[in-house]
C-alpha atoms as a PDB file:
ATOM      1  CA  MET A   1     145.353 -98.520 121.104  1.00  0.00           C
ATOM      2  CA  ILE A   2     148.915 -97.231 120.660  1.00  0.00           C
ATOM      3  CA  PHE A   3     147.735 -93.684 121.373  1.00  0.00           C
ATOM      4  CA  LEU A   4     146.214 -94.714 124.698  1.00  0.00           C
ATOM      5  CA  LYS A   5     149.405 -96.586 125.630  1.00  0.00           C
ATOM      6  CA  LEU A   6     151.527 -93.556 124.694  1.00  0.00           C
ATOM      7  CA  PHE A   7     149.343 -91.328 126.854  1.00  0.00           C
ATOM      8  CA  ILE A   8     149.455 -93.643 129.887  1.00  0.00           C
ATOM      9  CA  ILE A   9     153.173 -94.433 129.631  1.00  0.00           C
ATOM     10  CA  PHE A  10     154.355 -90.858 129.170  1.00  0.00           C
ATOM     11  CA  SER A  11     151.968 -89.519 131.813  1.00  0.00           C
ATOM     12  CA  LYS A  12     153.399 -92.092 134.224  1.00  0.00           C
ATOM     13  CA  ILE A  13     156.983 -91.209 133.275  1.00  0.00           C
ATOM     14  CA  GLY A  14     156.239 -87.508 133.686  1.00  0.00           C
ATOM     15  CA  ILE A  15     154.679 -87.805 137.119  1.00  0.00           C
ATOM     16  CA  PHE A  16     157.145 -90.292 138.629  1.00  0.00           C
ATOM     17  CA  ASN A  17     160.314 -88.760 137.303  1.00  0.00           C
ATOM     18  CA  TYR A  18     162.621 -86.712 139.469  1.00  0.00           C
ATOM     19  CA  GLY A  19     165.915 -85.243 138.382  1.00  0.00           C
ATOM     20  CA  GLY A  20     165.186 -83.917 134.919  1.00  0.00           C
ATOM     21  CA  GLY A  21     165.576 -85.310 131.433  1.00  0.00           C
ATOM     22  CA  TYR A  22     168.656 -87.455 131.921  1.00  0.00           C
ATOM     23  CA  ALA A  23     167.043 -89.264 134.827  1.00  0.00           C
ATOM     24  CA  MET A  24     163.978 -89.731 132.629  1.00  0.00           C
ATOM     25  CA  LEU A  25     165.940 -91.531 129.895  1.00  0.00           C
ATOM     26  CA  SER A  26     166.187 -94.822 131.757  1.00  0.00           C
ATOM     27  CA  LEU A  27     162.430 -94.819 132.373  1.00  0.00           C
ATOM     28  CA  ILE A  28     161.689 -94.055 128.723  1.00  0.00           C
ATOM     29  CA  GLN A  29     164.136 -96.722 127.536  1.00  0.00           C
ATOM     30  CA  ASN A  30     162.563 -99.336 129.801  1.00  0.00           C
ATOM     31  CA  GLU A  31     159.057 -98.607 128.536  1.00  0.00           C
ATOM     32  CA  VAL A  32     159.667 -98.174 124.816  1.00  0.00           C
ATOM     33  CA  VAL A  33     162.524-100.636 124.188  1.00  0.00           C
ATOM     34  CA  VAL A  34     162.236-103.341 126.846  1.00  0.00           C
ATOM     35  CA  ARG A  35     158.521-103.558 127.624  1.00  0.00           C
ATOM     36  CA  ASN A  36     156.720-102.466 124.452  1.00  0.00           C
ATOM     37  CA  HIS A  37     159.398-103.103 121.793  1.00  0.00           C
ATOM     38  CA  TRP A  38     158.421 -99.965 119.912  1.00  0.00           C
ATOM     39  CA  LEU A  39     162.084 -99.137 119.260  1.00  0.00           C
ATOM     40  CA  THR A  40     165.406-100.952 119.158  1.00  0.00           C
ATOM     41  CA  ASN A  41     168.356 -99.996 121.359  1.00  0.00           C
ATOM     42  CA  ALA A  42     170.032 -98.428 118.326  1.00  0.00           C
ATOM     43  CA  GLU A  43     166.959 -96.301 117.589  1.00  0.00           C
ATOM     44  CA  PHE A  44     166.788 -95.235 121.235  1.00  0.00           C
ATOM     45  CA  THR A  45     170.454 -94.241 121.140  1.00  0.00           C
ATOM     46  CA  ASP A  46     169.699 -92.116 118.081  1.00  0.00           C
ATOM     47  CA  ILE A  47     166.823 -90.523 119.992  1.00  0.00           C
ATOM     48  CA  VAL A  48     169.163 -89.566 122.825  1.00  0.00           C
ATOM     49  CA  ALA A  49     171.667 -88.044 120.395  1.00  0.00           C
ATOM     50  CA  ILE A  50     168.973 -86.082 118.552  1.00  0.00           C
ATOM     51  CA  SER A  51     167.291 -84.998 121.795  1.00  0.00           C
ATOM     52  CA  GLN A  52     170.563 -83.637 123.150  1.00  0.00           C
ATOM     53  CA  SER A  53     171.408 -81.689 120.033  1.00  0.00           C
ATOM     54  CA  THR A  54     168.009 -80.058 119.504  1.00  0.00           C
ATOM     55  CA  PRO A  55     166.798 -77.098 121.572  1.00  0.00           C
ATOM     56  CA  GLY A  56     164.590 -77.838 124.542  1.00  0.00           C
ATOM     57  CA  PRO A  57     164.481 -80.297 127.418  1.00  0.00           C
ATOM     58  CA  ILE A  58     165.883 -83.721 126.584  1.00  0.00           C
ATOM     59  CA  GLY A  59     162.958 -85.619 128.130  1.00  0.00           C
ATOM     60  CA  ILE A  60     160.332 -83.787 126.086  1.00  0.00           C
ATOM     61  CA  ASN A  61     162.435 -84.041 122.926  1.00  0.00           C
ATOM     62  CA  ALA A  62     162.815 -87.791 123.485  1.00  0.00           C
ATOM     63  CA  ALA A  63     159.071 -88.163 124.086  1.00  0.00           C
ATOM     64  CA  THR A  64     158.326 -86.305 120.856  1.00  0.00           C
ATOM     65  CA  TYR A  65     160.626 -88.529 118.824  1.00  0.00           C
ATOM     66  CA  VAL A  66     159.430 -91.734 120.521  1.00  0.00           C
ATOM     67  CA  GLY A  67     155.780 -90.832 119.925  1.00  0.00           C
ATOM     68  CA  TYR A  68     156.421 -90.239 116.245  1.00  0.00           C
ATOM     69  CA  THR A  69     158.582 -93.313 115.704  1.00  0.00           C
ATOM     70  CA  ALA A  70     156.374 -95.690 117.714  1.00  0.00           C
ATOM     71  CA  VAL A  71     153.242 -94.745 115.775  1.00  0.00           C
ATOM     72  CA  LEU A  72     155.104 -94.864 112.459  1.00  0.00           C
ATOM     73  CA  ASN A  73     156.625 -98.290 113.292  1.00  0.00           C
ATOM     74  CA  ALA A  74     153.123 -99.534 114.191  1.00  0.00           C
ATOM     75  CA  GLY A  75     152.129 -98.995 110.560  1.00  0.00           C
ATOM     76  CA  TYR A  76     150.193 -95.762 110.805  1.00  0.00           C
ATOM     77  CA  PRO A  77     150.627 -92.931 108.257  1.00  0.00           C
ATOM     78  CA  GLU A  78     152.943 -89.986 108.905  1.00  0.00           C
ATOM     79  CA  TRP A  79     150.156 -87.576 109.845  1.00  0.00           C
ATOM     80  CA  MET A  80     149.097 -89.955 112.642  1.00  0.00           C
ATOM     81  CA  ALA A  81     152.738 -90.288 113.702  1.00  0.00           C
ATOM     82  CA  THR A  82     152.779 -86.514 114.076  1.00  0.00           C
ATOM     83  CA  LEU A  83     149.752 -86.802 116.361  1.00  0.00           C
ATOM     84  CA  GLY A  84     151.637 -89.477 118.322  1.00  0.00           C
ATOM     85  CA  SER A  85     154.565 -87.112 118.823  1.00  0.00           C
ATOM     86  CA  ILE A  86     152.261 -84.324 120.024  1.00  0.00           C
ATOM     87  CA  LEU A  87     150.419 -86.698 122.359  1.00  0.00           C
ATOM     88  CA  ALA A  88     153.637 -88.095 123.880  1.00  0.00           C
ATOM     89  CA  SER A  89     155.047 -84.585 124.352  1.00  0.00           C
ATOM     90  CA  LEU A  90     151.936 -83.279 126.082  1.00  0.00           C
ATOM     91  CA  SER A  91     151.507 -86.462 128.128  1.00  0.00           C
ATOM     92  CA  ILE A  92     154.941 -86.163 129.676  1.00  0.00           C
ATOM     93  CA  ILE A  93     154.361 -82.586 130.868  1.00  0.00           C
ATOM     94  CA  TRP A  94     150.699 -82.178 131.812  1.00  0.00           C
ATOM     95  CA  LEU A  95     150.752 -83.881 135.226  1.00  0.00           C
ATOM     96  CA  PRO A  96     154.108 -82.427 136.336  1.00  0.00           C
ATOM     97  CA  PHE A  97     152.879 -78.989 135.278  1.00  0.00           C
ATOM     98  CA  ILE A  98     149.793 -79.242 137.490  1.00  0.00           C
ATOM     99  CA  LEU A  99     151.813 -80.803 140.308  1.00  0.00           C
ATOM    100  CA  MET A 100     154.458 -78.055 140.197  1.00  0.00           C
ATOM    101  CA  ILE A 101     151.826 -75.334 140.454  1.00  0.00           C
ATOM    102  CA  TRP A 102     150.416 -77.025 143.553  1.00  0.00           C
ATOM    103  CA  ILE A 103     153.830 -77.821 145.078  1.00  0.00           C
ATOM    104  CA  SER A 104     155.265 -74.351 144.474  1.00  0.00           C
ATOM    105  CA  HIS A 105     152.375 -72.835 146.400  1.00  0.00           C
ATOM    106  CA  TYR A 106     153.126 -75.213 149.295  1.00  0.00           C
ATOM    107  CA  LEU A 107     156.907 -74.699 149.108  1.00  0.00           C
ATOM    108  CA  MET A 108     156.642 -70.927 149.219  1.00  0.00           C
ATOM    109  CA  SER A 109     154.849 -71.123 152.538  1.00  0.00           C
ATOM    110  CA  HIS A 110     156.951 -73.984 154.000  1.00  0.00           C
ATOM    111  CA  LYS A 111     160.403 -73.498 152.440  1.00  0.00           C
ATOM    112  CA  ASP A 112     162.169 -73.292 155.804  1.00  0.00           C
ATOM    113  CA  SER A 113     160.468 -76.382 157.228  1.00  0.00           C
ATOM    114  CA  PRO A 114     162.839 -79.159 158.381  1.00  0.00           C
ATOM    115  CA  ILE A 115     160.551 -81.759 156.769  1.00  0.00           C
ATOM    116  CA  VAL A 116     160.777 -80.103 153.357  1.00  0.00           C
ATOM    117  CA  LYS A 117     164.560 -79.820 153.694  1.00  0.00           C
ATOM    118  CA  ASP A 118     164.779 -83.520 154.635  1.00  0.00           C
ATOM    119  CA  ILE A 119     162.695 -84.511 151.611  1.00  0.00           C
ATOM    120  CA  PHE A 120     165.022 -82.634 149.267  1.00  0.00           C
ATOM    121  CA  ARG A 121     168.065 -84.073 151.015  1.00  0.00           C
ATOM    122  CA  ALA A 122     166.695 -87.598 150.397  1.00  0.00           C
ATOM    123  CA  LEU A 123     165.898 -86.863 146.742  1.00  0.00           C
ATOM    124  CA  ARG A 124     169.455 -85.785 145.834  1.00  0.00           C
ATOM    125  CA  PRO A 125     171.096 -89.249 145.843  1.00  0.00           C
ATOM    126  CA  THR A 126     168.063 -90.709 144.071  1.00  0.00           C
ATOM    127  CA  ILE A 127     168.467 -88.201 141.252  1.00  0.00           C
ATOM    128  CA  VAL A 128     172.175 -88.975 140.934  1.00  0.00           C
ATOM    129  CA  GLY A 129     171.322 -92.696 140.758  1.00  0.00           C
ATOM    130  CA  LEU A 130     168.763 -92.149 137.997  1.00  0.00           C
ATOM    131  CA  ILE A 131     171.221 -90.089 135.957  1.00  0.00           C
ATOM    132  CA  ALA A 132     173.899 -92.782 136.451  1.00  0.00           C
ATOM    133  CA  ALA A 133     171.390 -95.419 135.314  1.00  0.00           C
ATOM    134  CA  ALA A 134     170.777 -93.418 132.133  1.00  0.00           C
ATOM    135  CA  ALA A 135     174.533 -93.241 131.499  1.00  0.00           C
ATOM    136  CA  LEU A 136     174.916 -96.992 131.994  1.00  0.00           C
ATOM    137  CA  LEU A 137     172.014 -97.686 129.635  1.00  0.00           C
ATOM    138  CA  LEU A 138     173.913 -95.911 126.887  1.00  0.00           C
ATOM    139  CA  MET A 139     177.085 -97.961 127.375  1.00  0.00           C
ATOM    140  CA  THR A 140     176.075-100.715 124.972  1.00  0.00           C
ATOM    141  CA  LYS A 141     177.561-102.391 121.924  1.00  0.00           C
ATOM    142  CA  ASP A 142     175.251-100.216 119.815  1.00  0.00           C
ATOM    143  CA  ASN A 143     177.259 -97.177 120.956  1.00  0.00           C
ATOM    144  CA  PHE A 144     180.741 -98.570 121.514  1.00  0.00           C
ATOM    145  CA  GLY A 145     180.835-101.539 119.162  1.00  0.00           C
ATOM    146  CA  ASN A 146     181.656-105.094 120.094  1.00  0.00           C
ATOM    147  CA  PRO A 147     185.334-105.881 120.873  1.00  0.00           C
ATOM    148  CA  THR A 148     184.940-109.440 119.538  1.00  0.00           C
ATOM    149  CA  GLU A 149     183.553-108.249 116.188  1.00  0.00           C
ATOM    150  CA  ASP A 150     185.670-105.158 115.492  1.00  0.00           C
ATOM    151  CA  LEU A 151     188.378-104.424 118.056  1.00  0.00           C
ATOM    152  CA  GLN A 152     189.645-101.309 116.260  1.00  0.00           C
ATOM    153  CA  LEU A 153     186.178 -99.721 116.195  1.00  0.00           C
ATOM    154  CA  PHE A 154     185.685-100.549 119.880  1.00  0.00           C
ATOM    155  CA  ILE A 155     189.039 -98.984 120.868  1.00  0.00           C
ATOM    156  CA  ILE A 156     188.309 -95.837 118.845  1.00  0.00           C
ATOM    157  CA  SER A 157     184.876 -95.520 120.497  1.00  0.00           C
ATOM    158  CA  VAL A 158     186.272 -95.947 124.001  1.00  0.00           C
ATOM    159  CA  LEU A 159     189.082 -93.457 123.309  1.00  0.00           C
ATOM    160  CA  LEU A 160     186.565 -90.962 121.925  1.00  0.00           C
ATOM    161  CA  PHE A 161     184.504 -91.374 125.101  1.00  0.00           C
ATOM    162  CA  ILE A 162     187.514 -90.876 127.388  1.00  0.00           C
ATOM    163  CA  VAL A 163     188.807 -87.840 125.483  1.00  0.00           C
ATOM    164  CA  SER A 164     185.335 -86.259 125.414  1.00  0.00           C
ATOM    165  CA  PHE A 165     184.850 -86.908 129.124  1.00  0.00           C
ATOM    166  CA  PHE A 166     188.152 -85.312 130.107  1.00  0.00           C
ATOM    167  CA  ALA A 167     187.760 -82.450 127.626  1.00  0.00           C
ATOM    168  CA  THR A 168     184.481 -81.384 129.202  1.00  0.00           C
ATOM    169  CA  ARG A 169     185.113 -82.384 132.805  1.00  0.00           C
ATOM    170  CA  ARG A 170     188.738 -81.532 133.440  1.00  0.00           C
ATOM    171  CA  TYR A 171     189.616 -78.979 130.773  1.00  0.00           C
ATOM    172  CA  LYS A 172     186.165 -77.311 130.744  1.00  0.00           C
ATOM    173  CA  ILE A 173     185.905 -77.299 126.938  1.00  0.00           C
ATOM    174  CA  ASN A 174     182.449 -76.304 125.753  1.00  0.00           C
ATOM    175  CA  PRO A 175     180.324 -79.475 125.267  1.00  0.00           C
ATOM    176  CA  ILE A 176     178.922 -78.129 122.000  1.00  0.00           C
ATOM    177  CA  LEU A 177     182.454 -77.826 120.604  1.00  0.00           C
ATOM    178  CA  VAL A 178     183.228 -81.367 121.794  1.00  0.00           C
ATOM    179  CA  MET A 179     180.066 -82.632 120.061  1.00  0.00           C
ATOM    180  CA  LEU A 180     180.981 -80.863 116.815  1.00  0.00           C
ATOM    181  CA  ILE A 181     184.529 -82.242 116.846  1.00  0.00           C
ATOM    182  CA  SER A 182     183.206 -85.728 117.681  1.00  0.00           C
ATOM    183  CA  GLY A 183     180.723 -85.493 114.803  1.00  0.00           C
ATOM    184  CA  VAL A 184     183.480 -84.573 112.354  1.00  0.00           C
ATOM    185  CA  LEU A 185     185.664 -87.379 113.695  1.00  0.00           C
ATOM    186  CA  GLY A 186     182.722 -89.772 113.357  1.00  0.00           C
ATOM    187  CA  LEU A 187     182.335 -88.842 109.699  1.00  0.00           C
ATOM    188  CA  ILE A 188     186.034 -89.455 109.102  1.00  0.00           C
ATOM    189  CA  VAL A 189     186.504 -92.642 111.164  1.00  0.00           C
ATOM    190  CA  TYR A 190     183.198 -94.438 110.736  1.00  0.00           C
END
């Protein structure tokens, strides 16, 4: 039963997602944490961190990890969890793959059409909204701590966020370097 649900959910996420992996995160979080309770918010946050630091698209990496963890948490053995990760990964890409082949044929012949340009113009703010929703989903007490429980930990987390944001946005420091420095600081502080 879990395999069928993984297939349907990730096929749906794959076909209705626009804007890439970060926009996909809010859809994945809604399905696997809120609706199906396969993962906790903390586990989902770990998925995002792992998916960003491993090679490949973040949406497919997240699907792979979710498929594995959901099947494992459902009580199945590890070899079946591996099948769950493969199924989730393939489910998220098969429909968009077919759709992109069909759409690219259409776009090549109609790329200068005002209708096509209007469609893309309308999709841009939607994509920004989905990416912003993914960012807001990650601003939880699981990531920043709770100011009523441990104020010092909360302040350190917020400062780390602000410094990382300005380091990459304003000073154009390589995000990989920022992640490495943040990881070292996390080992020291936490």
